[in-house]
Amino acid sequence: MTYQSPFQAPYRQLRRPVTDRMVAGVASGLGRYFAVDPTLVRVGFAVATLFSAGLAALAYLVMWFLMPEEPAGAAAWPHAPGTTPGWPPTPPTPPAT
């Protein structure tokens, strides 16, 4: 029996999460990618929209269509905090039976 694990990229990926979203998940995805609270990103978008006469809202829409949606069950960042993945990435070890 072989162990088949889903592919986990050895780097962070900018993608829209399925679970932590308010409109499209763009702010949540940016927050996860830059390790910032998504609420701060949402407030930043709101303030930038007011000061840029709606240009930030247009940027939000463009990111909505360009950012891929993360697969169901995927981890936001598969590596433990404070660790960096090695190169080349090592495959996960199969569970002991």
PDB file of N, CA and C in Angstrom:
ATOM      1  N   MET A   1       0.845  -1.172   0.000  1.00  0.00           N
ATOM      2  CA  MET A   1       0.000   0.000   0.000  1.00  0.00           C
ATOM      3  C   MET A   1       0.891   1.236   0.000  1.00  0.00           C
ATOM      4  N   THR A   2       0.625   2.154  -0.889  1.00  0.00           N
ATOM      5  CA  THR A   2       1.414   3.380  -0.948  1.00  0.00           C
ATOM      6  C   THR A   2       0.620   4.513  -0.336  1.00  0.00           C
ATOM      7  N   TYR A   3       1.364   5.449   0.234  1.00  0.00           N
ATOM      8  CA  TYR A   3       0.744   6.594   0.881  1.00  0.00           C
ATOM      9  C   TYR A   3       0.672   7.735  -0.122  1.00  0.00           C
ATOM     10  N   GLN A   4      -0.521   8.191  -0.425  1.00  0.00           N
ATOM     11  CA  GLN A   4      -0.710   9.299  -1.351  1.00  0.00           C
ATOM     12  C   GLN A   4      -1.094  10.533  -0.544  1.00  0.00           C
ATOM     13  N   SER A   5      -0.238  11.536  -0.571  1.00  0.00           N
ATOM     14  CA  SER A   5      -0.550  12.768   0.152  1.00  0.00           C
ATOM     15  C   SER A   5      -0.794  13.883  -0.846  1.00  0.00           C
ATOM     16  N   PRO A   6      -1.644  14.836  -0.495  1.00  0.00           N
ATOM     17  CA  PRO A   6      -1.847  15.966  -1.397  1.00  0.00           C
ATOM     18  C   PRO A   6      -0.568  16.795  -1.469  1.00  0.00           C
ATOM     19  N   PHE A   7      -0.303  17.360  -2.623  1.00  0.00           N
ATOM     20  CA  PHE A   7       0.903  18.154  -2.819  1.00  0.00           C
ATOM     21  C   PHE A   7       0.863  19.414  -1.976  1.00  0.00           C
ATOM     22  N   GLN A   8       1.942  19.670  -1.281  1.00  0.00           N
ATOM     23  CA  GLN A   8       2.077  20.895  -0.510  1.00  0.00           C
ATOM     24  C   GLN A   8       3.280  21.641  -1.047  1.00  0.00           C
ATOM     25  N   ALA A   9       3.062  22.831  -1.527  1.00  0.00           N
ATOM     26  CA  ALA A   9       4.143  23.617  -2.090  1.00  0.00           C
ATOM     27  C   ALA A   9       5.131  24.007  -0.994  1.00  0.00           C
ATOM     28  N   PRO A  10       6.430  24.061  -1.304  1.00  0.00           N
ATOM     29  CA  PRO A  10       7.425  24.431  -0.294  1.00  0.00           C
ATOM     30  C   PRO A  10       7.502  25.941  -0.068  1.00  0.00           C
ATOM     31  N   TYR A  11       6.534  26.674  -0.548  1.00  0.00           N
ATOM     32  CA  TYR A  11       6.522  28.125  -0.415  1.00  0.00           C
ATOM     33  C   TYR A  11       5.091  28.578  -0.168  1.00  0.00           C
ATOM     34  N   ARG A  12       4.957  29.799   0.319  1.00  0.00           N
ATOM     35  CA  ARG A  12       3.620  30.340   0.544  1.00  0.00           C
ATOM     36  C   ARG A  12       2.947  30.601  -0.789  1.00  0.00           C
ATOM     37  N   GLN A  13       1.655  30.429  -0.813  1.00  0.00           N
ATOM     38  CA  GLN A  13       0.896  30.681  -2.032  1.00  0.00           C
ATOM     39  C   GLN A  13      -0.178  31.715  -1.741  1.00  0.00           C
ATOM     40  N   LEU A  14      -0.291  32.684  -2.634  1.00  0.00           N
ATOM     41  CA  LEU A  14      -1.318  33.701  -2.505  1.00  0.00           C
ATOM     42  C   LEU A  14      -2.593  33.157  -3.137  1.00  0.00           C
ATOM     43  N   ARG A  15      -3.565  32.832  -2.292  1.00  0.00           N
ATOM     44  CA  ARG A  15      -4.820  32.282  -2.781  1.00  0.00           C
ATOM     45  C   ARG A  15      -5.953  32.675  -1.848  1.00  0.00           C
ATOM     46  N   ARG A  16      -7.175  32.610  -2.367  1.00  0.00           N
ATOM     47  CA  ARG A  16      -8.352  33.008  -1.595  1.00  0.00           C
ATOM     48  C   ARG A  16      -8.853  31.824  -0.790  1.00  0.00           C
ATOM     49  N   PRO A  17      -8.901  31.940   0.546  1.00  0.00           N
ATOM     50  CA  PRO A  17      -9.385  30.820   1.355  1.00  0.00           C
ATOM     51  C   PRO A  17     -10.893  30.631   1.213  1.00  0.00           C
ATOM     52  N   VAL A  18     -11.316  29.430   1.474  1.00  0.00           N
ATOM     53  CA  VAL A  18     -12.730  29.087   1.351  1.00  0.00           C
ATOM     54  C   VAL A  18     -13.468  29.375   2.657  1.00  0.00           C
ATOM     55  N   THR A  19     -12.788  29.244   3.783  1.00  0.00           N
ATOM     56  CA  THR A  19     -13.462  29.323   5.074  1.00  0.00           C
ATOM     57  C   THR A  19     -13.489  30.717   5.686  1.00  0.00           C
ATOM     58  N   ASP A  20     -12.425  31.480   5.558  1.00  0.00           N
ATOM     59  CA  ASP A  20     -12.320  32.770   6.253  1.00  0.00           C
ATOM     60  C   ASP A  20     -12.485  33.908   5.255  1.00  0.00           C
ATOM     61  N   ARG A  21     -13.702  34.131   4.804  1.00  0.00           N
ATOM     62  CA  ARG A  21     -13.923  35.188   3.824  1.00  0.00           C
ATOM     63  C   ARG A  21     -15.177  35.964   4.172  1.00  0.00           C
ATOM     64  N   MET A  22     -15.201  37.227   3.744  1.00  0.00           N
ATOM     65  CA  MET A  22     -16.388  38.046   3.943  1.00  0.00           C
ATOM     66  C   MET A  22     -17.090  38.284   2.610  1.00  0.00           C
ATOM     67  N   VAL A  23     -16.327  38.686   1.582  1.00  0.00           N
ATOM     68  CA  VAL A  23     -16.914  38.880   0.261  1.00  0.00           C
ATOM     69  C   VAL A  23     -16.369  37.826  -0.686  1.00  0.00           C
ATOM     70  N   ALA A  24     -15.084  37.945  -1.031  1.00  0.00           N
ATOM     71  CA  ALA A  24     -14.493  36.998  -1.988  1.00  0.00           C
ATOM     72  C   ALA A  24     -13.276  36.294  -1.419  1.00  0.00           C
ATOM     73  N   GLY A  25     -12.787  36.721  -0.272  1.00  0.00           N
ATOM     74  CA  GLY A  25     -11.622  36.096   0.324  1.00  0.00           C
ATOM     75  C   GLY A  25     -10.303  36.750  -0.042  1.00  0.00           C
ATOM     76  N   VAL A  26     -10.347  37.867  -0.767  1.00  0.00           N
ATOM     77  CA  VAL A  26      -9.118  38.541  -1.184  1.00  0.00           C
ATOM     78  C   VAL A  26      -8.373  39.091   0.031  1.00  0.00           C
ATOM     79  N   ALA A  27      -9.045  39.799   0.895  1.00  0.00           N
ATOM     80  CA  ALA A  27      -8.395  40.386   2.070  1.00  0.00           C
ATOM     81  C   ALA A  27      -7.873  39.299   3.002  1.00  0.00           C
ATOM     82  N   SER A  28      -8.607  38.233   3.146  1.00  0.00           N
ATOM     83  CA  SER A  28      -8.161  37.135   3.989  1.00  0.00           C
ATOM     84  C   SER A  28      -6.931  36.455   3.398  1.00  0.00           C
ATOM     85  N   GLY A  29      -6.920  36.280   2.089  1.00  0.00           N
ATOM     86  CA  GLY A  29      -5.768  35.686   1.427  1.00  0.00           C
ATOM     87  C   GLY A  29      -4.533  36.560   1.551  1.00  0.00           C
ATOM     88  N   LEU A  30      -4.695  37.864   1.388  1.00  0.00           N
ATOM     89  CA  LEU A  30      -3.568  38.786   1.561  1.00  0.00           C
ATOM     90  C   LEU A  30      -3.089  38.794   3.008  1.00  0.00           C
ATOM     91  N   GLY A  31      -4.029  38.736   3.941  1.00  0.00           N
ATOM     92  CA  GLY A  31      -3.658  38.707   5.349  1.00  0.00           C
ATOM     93  C   GLY A  31      -2.869  37.464   5.705  1.00  0.00           C
ATOM     94  N   ARG A  32      -3.284  36.321   5.205  1.00  0.00           N
ATOM     95  CA  ARG A  32      -2.541  35.083   5.461  1.00  0.00           C
ATOM     96  C   ARG A  32      -1.165  35.121   4.817  1.00  0.00           C
ATOM     97  N   TYR A  33      -1.080  35.653   3.593  1.00  0.00           N
ATOM     98  CA  TYR A  33       0.185  35.664   2.874  1.00  0.00           C
ATOM     99  C   TYR A  33       1.217  36.562   3.563  1.00  0.00           C
ATOM    100  N   PHE A  34       0.773  37.729   4.031  1.00  0.00           N
ATOM    101  CA  PHE A  34       1.683  38.675   4.672  1.00  0.00           C
ATOM    102  C   PHE A  34       1.689  38.567   6.193  1.00  0.00           C
ATOM    103  N   ALA A  35       1.011  37.575   6.765  1.00  0.00           N
ATOM    104  CA  ALA A  35       0.938  37.339   8.207  1.00  0.00           C
ATOM    105  C   ALA A  35       0.415  38.571   8.947  1.00  0.00           C
ATOM    106  N   VAL A  36      -0.694  39.102   8.433  1.00  0.00           N
ATOM    107  CA  VAL A  36      -1.356  40.270   9.012  1.00  0.00           C
ATOM    108  C   VAL A  36      -2.810  39.880   9.262  1.00  0.00           C
ATOM    109  N   ASP A  37      -3.417  40.497  10.248  1.00  0.00           N
ATOM    110  CA  ASP A  37      -4.824  40.233  10.527  1.00  0.00           C
ATOM    111  C   ASP A  37      -5.671  40.652   9.319  1.00  0.00           C
ATOM    112  N   PRO A  38      -6.520  39.766   8.801  1.00  0.00           N
ATOM    113  CA  PRO A  38      -7.344  40.120   7.639  1.00  0.00           C
ATOM    114  C   PRO A  38      -8.240  41.334   7.871  1.00  0.00           C
ATOM    115  N   THR A  39      -8.608  41.594   9.123  1.00  0.00           N
ATOM    116  CA  THR A  39      -9.426  42.769   9.411  1.00  0.00           C
ATOM    117  C   THR A  39      -8.669  44.049   9.070  1.00  0.00           C
ATOM    118  N   LEU A  40      -7.371  44.072   9.347  1.00  0.00           N
ATOM    119  CA  LEU A  40      -6.572  45.249   8.994  1.00  0.00           C
ATOM    120  C   LEU A  40      -6.503  45.430   7.479  1.00  0.00           C
ATOM    121  N   VAL A  41      -6.433  44.343   6.750  1.00  0.00           N
ATOM    122  CA  VAL A  41      -6.405  44.428   5.287  1.00  0.00           C
ATOM    123  C   VAL A  41      -7.746  44.949   4.780  1.00  0.00           C
ATOM    124  N   ARG A  42      -8.838  44.486   5.382  1.00  0.00           N
ATOM    125  CA  ARG A  42     -10.169  44.960   4.972  1.00  0.00           C
ATOM    126  C   ARG A  42     -10.337  46.448   5.236  1.00  0.00           C
ATOM    127  N   VAL A  43      -9.902  46.885   6.407  1.00  0.00           N
ATOM    128  CA  VAL A  43      -9.978  48.316   6.733  1.00  0.00           C
ATOM    129  C   VAL A  43      -9.079  49.104   5.779  1.00  0.00           C
ATOM    130  N   GLY A  44      -7.908  48.570   5.479  1.00  0.00           N
ATOM    131  CA  GLY A  44      -7.011  49.233   4.535  1.00  0.00           C
ATOM    132  C   GLY A  44      -7.647  49.381   3.158  1.00  0.00           C
ATOM    133  N   PHE A  45      -8.351  48.335   2.702  1.00  0.00           N
ATOM    134  CA  PHE A  45      -9.052  48.434   1.427  1.00  0.00           C
ATOM    135  C   PHE A  45     -10.140  49.499   1.480  1.00  0.00           C
ATOM    136  N   ALA A  46     -10.874  49.561   2.574  1.00  0.00           N
ATOM    137  CA  ALA A  46     -11.950  50.549   2.697  1.00  0.00           C
ATOM    138  C   ALA A  46     -11.391  51.966   2.680  1.00  0.00           C
ATOM    139  N   VAL A  47     -10.340  52.209   3.438  1.00  0.00           N
ATOM    140  CA  VAL A  47      -9.739  53.545   3.483  1.00  0.00           C
ATOM    141  C   VAL A  47      -9.130  53.897   2.127  1.00  0.00           C
ATOM    142  N   ALA A  48      -8.446  52.938   1.518  1.00  0.00           N
ATOM    143  CA  ALA A  48      -7.833  53.188   0.210  1.00  0.00           C
ATOM    144  C   ALA A  48      -8.901  53.450  -0.854  1.00  0.00           C
ATOM    145  N   THR A  49     -10.050  52.803  -0.745  1.00  0.00           N
ATOM    146  CA  THR A  49     -11.132  53.047  -1.696  1.00  0.00           C
ATOM    147  C   THR A  49     -11.649  54.471  -1.564  1.00  0.00           C
ATOM    148  N   LEU A  50     -11.766  54.950  -0.337  1.00  0.00           N
ATOM    149  CA  LEU A  50     -12.229  56.326  -0.130  1.00  0.00           C
ATOM    150  C   LEU A  50     -11.225  57.346  -0.662  1.00  0.00           C
ATOM    151  N   PHE A  51      -9.949  57.127  -0.407  1.00  0.00           N
ATOM    152  CA  PHE A  51      -8.931  58.098  -0.796  1.00  0.00           C
ATOM    153  C   PHE A  51      -8.523  57.999  -2.263  1.00  0.00           C
ATOM    154  N   SER A  52      -8.804  56.875  -2.902  1.00  0.00           N
ATOM    155  CA  SER A  52      -8.393  56.715  -4.299  1.00  0.00           C
ATOM    156  C   SER A  52      -9.571  56.831  -5.265  1.00  0.00           C
ATOM    157  N   ALA A  53     -10.680  57.316  -4.791  1.00  0.00           N
ATOM    158  CA  ALA A  53     -11.878  57.505  -5.623  1.00  0.00           C
ATOM    159  C   ALA A  53     -12.325  56.193  -6.279  1.00  0.00           C
ATOM    160  N   GLY A  54     -12.210  55.093  -5.534  1.00  0.00           N
ATOM    161  CA  GLY A  54     -12.708  53.817  -6.019  1.00  0.00           C
ATOM    162  C   GLY A  54     -11.681  52.961  -6.738  1.00  0.00           C
ATOM    163  N   LEU A  55     -10.449  53.426  -6.884  1.00  0.00           N
ATOM    164  CA  LEU A  55      -9.429  52.649  -7.572  1.00  0.00           C
ATOM    165  C   LEU A  55      -9.076  51.375  -6.800  1.00  0.00           C
ATOM    166  N   ALA A  56      -9.082  51.443  -5.467  1.00  0.00           N
ATOM    167  CA  ALA A  56      -8.798  50.253  -4.656  1.00  0.00           C
ATOM    168  C   ALA A  56      -9.905  49.216  -4.810  1.00  0.00           C
ATOM    169  N   ALA A  57     -11.136  49.658  -4.990  1.00  0.00           N
ATOM    170  CA  ALA A  57     -12.230  48.710  -5.217  1.00  0.00           C
ATOM    171  C   ALA A  57     -12.047  48.001  -6.556  1.00  0.00           C
ATOM    172  N   LEU A  58     -11.563  48.724  -7.549  1.00  0.00           N
ATOM    173  CA  LEU A  58     -11.268  48.099  -8.837  1.00  0.00           C
ATOM    174  C   LEU A  58     -10.121  47.100  -8.692  1.00  0.00           C
ATOM    175  N   ALA A  59      -9.101  47.447  -7.907  1.00  0.00           N
ATOM    176  CA  ALA A  59      -7.994  46.527  -7.655  1.00  0.00           C
ATOM    177  C   ALA A  59      -8.490  45.278  -6.934  1.00  0.00           C
ATOM    178  N   TYR A  60      -9.426  45.439  -6.003  1.00  0.00           N
ATOM    179  CA  TYR A  60     -10.009  44.298  -5.296  1.00  0.00           C
ATOM    180  C   TYR A  60     -10.695  43.358  -6.288  1.00  0.00           C
ATOM    181  N   LEU A  61     -11.462  43.919  -7.206  1.00  0.00           N
ATOM    182  CA  LEU A  61     -12.159  43.094  -8.195  1.00  0.00           C
ATOM    183  C   LEU A  61     -11.170  42.351  -9.096  1.00  0.00           C
ATOM    184  N   VAL A  62     -10.098  43.016  -9.489  1.00  0.00           N
ATOM    185  CA  VAL A  62      -9.084  42.366 -10.327  1.00  0.00           C
ATOM    186  C   VAL A  62      -8.434  41.219  -9.556  1.00  0.00           C
ATOM    187  N   MET A  63      -8.106  41.457  -8.273  1.00  0.00           N
ATOM    188  CA  MET A  63      -7.510  40.386  -7.472  1.00  0.00           C
ATOM    189  C   MET A  63      -8.494  39.236  -7.258  1.00  0.00           C
ATOM    190  N   TRP A  64      -9.769  39.547  -7.160  1.00  0.00           N
ATOM    191  CA  TRP A  64     -10.789  38.514  -6.996  1.00  0.00           C
ATOM    192  C   TRP A  64     -10.732  37.523  -8.161  1.00  0.00           C
ATOM    193  N   PHE A  65     -10.559  38.037  -9.352  1.00  0.00           N
ATOM    194  CA  PHE A  65     -10.530  37.161 -10.519  1.00  0.00           C
ATOM    195  C   PHE A  65      -9.167  36.538 -10.768  1.00  0.00           C
ATOM    196  N   LEU A  66      -8.093  37.174 -10.316  1.00  0.00           N
ATOM    197  CA  LEU A  66      -6.751  36.652 -10.577  1.00  0.00           C
ATOM    198  C   LEU A  66      -6.248  35.675  -9.509  1.00  0.00           C
ATOM    199  N   MET A  67      -6.650  35.878  -8.262  1.00  0.00           N
ATOM    200  CA  MET A  67      -6.191  34.998  -7.187  1.00  0.00           C
ATOM    201  C   MET A  67      -6.936  33.675  -7.244  1.00  0.00           C
ATOM    202  N   PRO A  68      -6.216  32.562  -7.283  1.00  0.00           N
ATOM    203  CA  PRO A  68      -6.910  31.271  -7.304  1.00  0.00           C
ATOM    204  C   PRO A  68      -7.517  30.956  -5.939  1.00  0.00           C
ATOM    205  N   GLU A  69      -8.580  30.197  -5.953  1.00  0.00           N
ATOM    206  CA  GLU A  69      -9.214  29.760  -4.710  1.00  0.00           C
ATOM    207  C   GLU A  69      -8.473  28.535  -4.200  1.00  0.00           C
ATOM    208  N   GLU A  70      -8.229  28.511  -2.890  1.00  0.00           N
ATOM    209  CA  GLU A  70      -7.489  27.372  -2.356  1.00  0.00           C
ATOM    210  C   GLU A  70      -8.360  26.121  -2.387  1.00  0.00           C
ATOM    211  N   PRO A  71      -7.735  24.957  -2.559  1.00  0.00           N
ATOM    212  CA  PRO A  71      -8.511  23.711  -2.560  1.00  0.00           C
ATOM    213  C   PRO A  71      -9.115  23.443  -1.190  1.00  0.00           C
ATOM    214  N   ALA A  72     -10.205  22.745  -1.172  1.00  0.00           N
ATOM    215  CA  ALA A  72     -10.858  22.402   0.089  1.00  0.00           C
ATOM    216  C   ALA A  72      -9.932  21.524   0.927  1.00  0.00           C
ATOM    217  N   GLY A  73      -9.784  21.858   2.179  1.00  0.00           N
ATOM    218  CA  GLY A  73      -8.953  21.077   3.084  1.00  0.00           C
ATOM    219  C   GLY A  73      -7.485  21.426   3.055  1.00  0.00           C
ATOM    220  N   ALA A  74      -7.082  22.413   2.271  1.00  0.00           N
ATOM    221  CA  ALA A  74      -5.673  22.798   2.204  1.00  0.00           C
ATOM    222  C   ALA A  74      -5.325  23.677   3.396  1.00  0.00           C
ATOM    223  N   ALA A  75      -4.114  23.522   3.887  1.00  0.00           N
ATOM    224  CA  ALA A  75      -3.650  24.348   5.005  1.00  0.00           C
ATOM    225  C   ALA A  75      -3.284  25.730   4.492  1.00  0.00           C
ATOM    226  N   ALA A  76      -3.475  26.745   5.328  1.00  0.00           N
ATOM    227  CA  ALA A  76      -3.137  28.103   4.923  1.00  0.00           C
ATOM    228  C   ALA A  76      -1.650  28.245   4.686  1.00  0.00           C
ATOM    229  N   TRP A  77      -0.860  27.686   5.541  1.00  0.00           N
ATOM    230  CA  TRP A  77       0.590  27.674   5.383  1.00  0.00           C
ATOM    231  C   TRP A  77       1.038  26.368   5.996  1.00  0.00           C
ATOM    232  N   PRO A  78       1.418  25.400   5.179  1.00  0.00           N
ATOM    233  CA  PRO A  78       1.621  24.042   5.671  1.00  0.00           C
ATOM    234  C   PRO A  78       2.831  23.844   6.566  1.00  0.00           C
ATOM    235  N   HIS A  79       3.681  24.832   6.740  1.00  0.00           N
ATOM    236  CA  HIS A  79       4.875  24.657   7.551  1.00  0.00           C
ATOM    237  C   HIS A  79       4.670  25.266   8.930  1.00  0.00           C
ATOM    238  N   ALA A  80       5.347  24.716   9.892  1.00  0.00           N
ATOM    239  CA  ALA A  80       5.230  25.227  11.260  1.00  0.00           C
ATOM    240  C   ALA A  80       5.768  26.641  11.328  1.00  0.00           C
ATOM    241  N   PRO A  81       5.199  27.495  12.171  1.00  0.00           N
ATOM    242  CA  PRO A  81       5.683  28.868  12.281  1.00  0.00           C
ATOM    243  C   PRO A  81       7.151  28.902  12.699  1.00  0.00           C
ATOM    244  N   GLY A  82       7.904  29.778  12.079  1.00  0.00           N
ATOM    245  CA  GLY A  82       9.305  29.943  12.434  1.00  0.00           C
ATOM    246  C   GLY A  82      10.239  28.984  11.726  1.00  0.00           C
ATOM    247  N   THR A  83       9.697  28.099  10.908  1.00  0.00           N
ATOM    248  CA  THR A  83      10.556  27.170  10.173  1.00  0.00           C
ATOM    249  C   THR A  83      10.462  27.482   8.690  1.00  0.00           C
ATOM    250  N   THR A  84      11.513  27.195   7.984  1.00  0.00           N
ATOM    251  CA  THR A  84      11.493  27.380   6.543  1.00  0.00           C
ATOM    252  C   THR A  84      11.643  26.016   5.891  1.00  0.00           C
ATOM    253  N   PRO A  85      10.990  25.809   4.777  1.00  0.00           N
ATOM    254  CA  PRO A  85      11.102  24.514   4.128  1.00  0.00           C
ATOM    255  C   PRO A  85      12.479  24.332   3.507  1.00  0.00           C
ATOM    256  N   GLY A  86      12.929  23.112   3.471  1.00  0.00           N
ATOM    257  CA  GLY A  86      14.205  22.829   2.836  1.00  0.00           C
ATOM    258  C   GLY A  86      14.043  22.651   1.345  1.00  0.00           C
ATOM    259  N   TRP A  87      15.149  22.706   0.648  1.00  0.00           N
ATOM    260  CA  TRP A  87      15.090  22.476  -0.788  1.00  0.00           C
ATOM    261  C   TRP A  87      16.092  21.414  -1.143  1.00  0.00           C
ATOM    262  N   PRO A  88      15.752  20.391  -1.830  1.00  0.00           N
ATOM    263  CA  PRO A  88      14.427  20.119  -2.368  1.00  0.00           C
ATOM    264  C   PRO A  88      13.481  19.674  -1.268  1.00  0.00           C
ATOM    265  N   PRO A  89      12.186  19.871  -1.463  1.00  0.00           N
ATOM    266  CA  PRO A  89      11.237  19.469  -0.424  1.00  0.00           C
ATOM    267  C   PRO A  89      11.236  17.970  -0.221  1.00  0.00           C
ATOM    268  N   THR A  90      11.103  17.577   1.010  1.00  0.00           N
ATOM    269  CA  THR A  90      11.074  16.150   1.319  1.00  0.00           C
ATOM    270  C   THR A  90       9.618  15.709   1.414  1.00  0.00           C
ATOM    271  N   PRO A  91       9.293  14.547   0.864  1.00  0.00           N
ATOM    272  CA  PRO A  91       7.906  14.075   0.953  1.00  0.00           C
ATOM    273  C   PRO A  91       7.566  13.703   2.388  1.00  0.00           C
ATOM    274  N   PRO A  92       6.297  13.830   2.767  1.00  0.00           N
ATOM    275  CA  PRO A  92       5.899  13.459   4.120  1.00  0.00           C
ATOM    276  C   PRO A  92       6.069  11.958   4.345  1.00  0.00           C
ATOM    277  N   THR A  93       6.335  11.613   5.587  1.00  0.00           N
ATOM    278  CA  THR A  93       6.491  10.205   5.914  1.00  0.00           C
ATOM    279  C   THR A  93       5.113   9.575   6.071  1.00  0.00           C
ATOM    280  N   PRO A  94       4.960   8.343   5.628  1.00  0.00           N
ATOM    281  CA  PRO A  94       3.646   7.689   5.764  1.00  0.00           C
ATOM    282  C   PRO A  94       3.346   7.393   7.220  1.00  0.00           C
ATOM    283  N   PRO A  95       2.088   7.378   7.592  1.00  0.00           N
ATOM    284  CA  PRO A  95       1.722   7.088   8.980  1.00  0.00           C
ATOM    285  C   PRO A  95       2.062   5.630   9.316  1.00  0.00           C
ATOM    286  N   ALA A  96       2.460   5.437  10.537  1.00  0.00           N
ATOM    287  CA  ALA A  96       2.797   4.083  11.011  1.00  0.00           C
ATOM    288  C   ALA A  96       1.516   3.275  11.186  1.00  0.00           C
ATOM    289  N   THR A  97       1.561   2.057  10.756  1.00  0.00           N
ATOM    290  CA  THR A  97       0.359   1.207  10.895  1.00  0.00           C
ATOM    291  C   THR A  97       0.607   0.095  11.886  1.00  0.00           C
TER     292      THR A  97
END
